[in-house]
Amino acid sequence: MNIFEYTFRMLEVHTKEGVYYQQAKISECLEKMRPYGFAMPHKSFVVNLDQVRGIKGYEITMMDGSVLPLSQKKGKAFREELNLFLAGRL
């Protein structure tokens, strides 16, 4: 699944194996993970673009069925990043 969520000044790392916690900033996480196909749809999340099932309005549905928010401010850039990622996989 690979979702990073920033909550209560902690970084929650959601994986298939479970949830792990780390003391880190979400911006640093994005810098490190962007080369691996990750993007930031909201100020509190960094997601694996390969695990995005779809976007409807301002909600992102992940492959596991979870729904994450897409901020209006980051919406356009996130959609463009997702489209470029998907085009590169063809």
Protein backbone atom coordinates (compact mmCIF):
# COMPACT_ATOMS: atom_id res chain seq x y z
CA MET A 1 0.00 0.00 0.00
CA ASN A 2 2.73 2.45 0.99
CA ILE A 3 1.10 5.55 2.39
CA PHE A 4 2.94 8.00 4.60
CA GLU A 5 0.70 10.01 6.92
CA TYR A 6 1.87 12.87 9.10
CA THR A 7 -0.09 13.02 12.34
CA PHE A 8 0.75 14.31 15.82
CA ARG A 9 4.29 15.22 14.67
CA MET A 10 4.95 11.61 13.76
CA LEU A 11 5.20 9.94 10.39
CA GLU A 12 2.97 6.87 10.09
CA VAL A 13 4.21 4.45 7.45
CA HIS A 14 1.37 2.23 6.19
CA THR A 15 2.58 -0.94 4.46
CA LYS A 16 1.09 -4.33 3.64
CA GLU A 17 2.82 -5.74 6.71
CA GLY A 18 1.49 -3.12 9.13
CA VAL A 19 1.84 0.44 10.40
CA TYR A 20 5.18 1.80 11.56
CA TYR A 21 5.97 5.11 13.26
CA GLN A 22 8.95 7.35 12.67
CA GLN A 23 10.05 10.76 13.89
CA ALA A 24 10.36 12.68 10.61
CA LYS A 25 8.89 15.52 8.57
CA ILE A 26 6.50 14.78 5.72
CA SER A 27 8.44 17.12 3.41
CA GLU A 28 11.65 15.14 3.97
CA CYS A 29 9.75 11.93 3.29
CA LEU A 30 8.49 13.32 -0.03
CA GLU A 31 12.01 14.36 -1.08
CA LYS A 32 13.35 10.88 -0.40
CA MET A 33 10.44 8.95 -1.91
CA ARG A 34 9.61 11.04 -5.02
CA PRO A 35 12.19 9.21 -7.20
CA TYR A 36 10.35 5.96 -6.38
CA GLY A 37 6.94 7.12 -7.66
CA PHE A 38 5.51 8.87 -4.61
CA ALA A 39 3.62 12.18 -4.56
CA MET A 40 1.85 14.46 -2.07
CA PRO A 41 -1.92 14.89 -2.60
CA HIS A 42 -2.48 16.63 0.74
CA LYS A 43 -0.27 18.30 3.34
CA SER A 44 -0.54 15.23 5.58
CA PHE A 45 -0.03 12.43 3.04
CA VAL A 46 2.56 11.02 0.65
CA VAL A 47 1.27 8.16 -1.50
CA ASN A 48 2.65 5.53 -3.85
CA LEU A 49 1.29 6.52 -7.29
CA ASP A 50 1.35 2.87 -8.33
CA GLN A 51 -1.29 2.15 -5.68
CA VAL A 52 -3.80 4.83 -6.76
CA ARG A 53 -6.95 3.22 -8.15
CA GLY A 54 -8.69 6.46 -9.07
CA ILE A 55 -9.63 10.03 -8.22
CA LYS A 56 -13.18 11.29 -7.93
CA GLY A 57 -13.63 14.91 -6.99
CA TYR A 58 -11.30 15.51 -4.09
CA GLU A 59 -10.99 11.91 -2.95
CA ILE A 60 -8.28 9.42 -3.90
CA THR A 61 -9.17 5.73 -3.82
CA MET A 62 -6.24 3.43 -3.22
CA MET A 63 -5.93 -0.17 -4.46
CA ASP A 64 -6.75 -1.50 -0.98
CA GLY A 65 -10.01 0.49 -0.93
CA SER A 66 -8.89 3.21 1.47
CA VAL A 67 -9.92 6.76 0.60
CA LEU A 68 -7.59 9.72 1.11
CA PRO A 69 -8.22 13.45 0.72
CA LEU A 70 -6.95 15.42 -2.27
CA SER A 71 -6.52 19.06 -1.36
CA GLN A 72 -7.79 21.71 -3.74
CA LYS A 73 -4.44 23.48 -3.52
CA LYS A 74 -2.44 20.39 -4.56
CA GLY A 75 -5.11 18.81 -6.76
CA LYS A 76 -3.95 19.98 -10.19
CA ALA A 77 -0.26 19.23 -9.58
CA PHE A 78 -1.06 15.80 -8.12
CA ARG A 79 -3.26 14.84 -11.09
CA GLU A 80 -0.51 15.91 -13.52
CA GLU A 81 2.09 13.93 -11.57
CA LEU A 82 -0.17 10.86 -11.59
CA ASN A 83 -0.80 11.17 -15.34
CA LEU A 84 2.94 11.45 -16.06
CA PHE A 85 3.61 8.44 -13.85
CA LEU A 86 0.94 6.35 -15.59
CA ALA A 87 2.15 7.43 -19.05
CA GLY A 88 5.66 6.33 -18.14
CA ARG A 89 4.40 2.83 -17.33
CA LEU A 90 3.01 2.23 -20.82
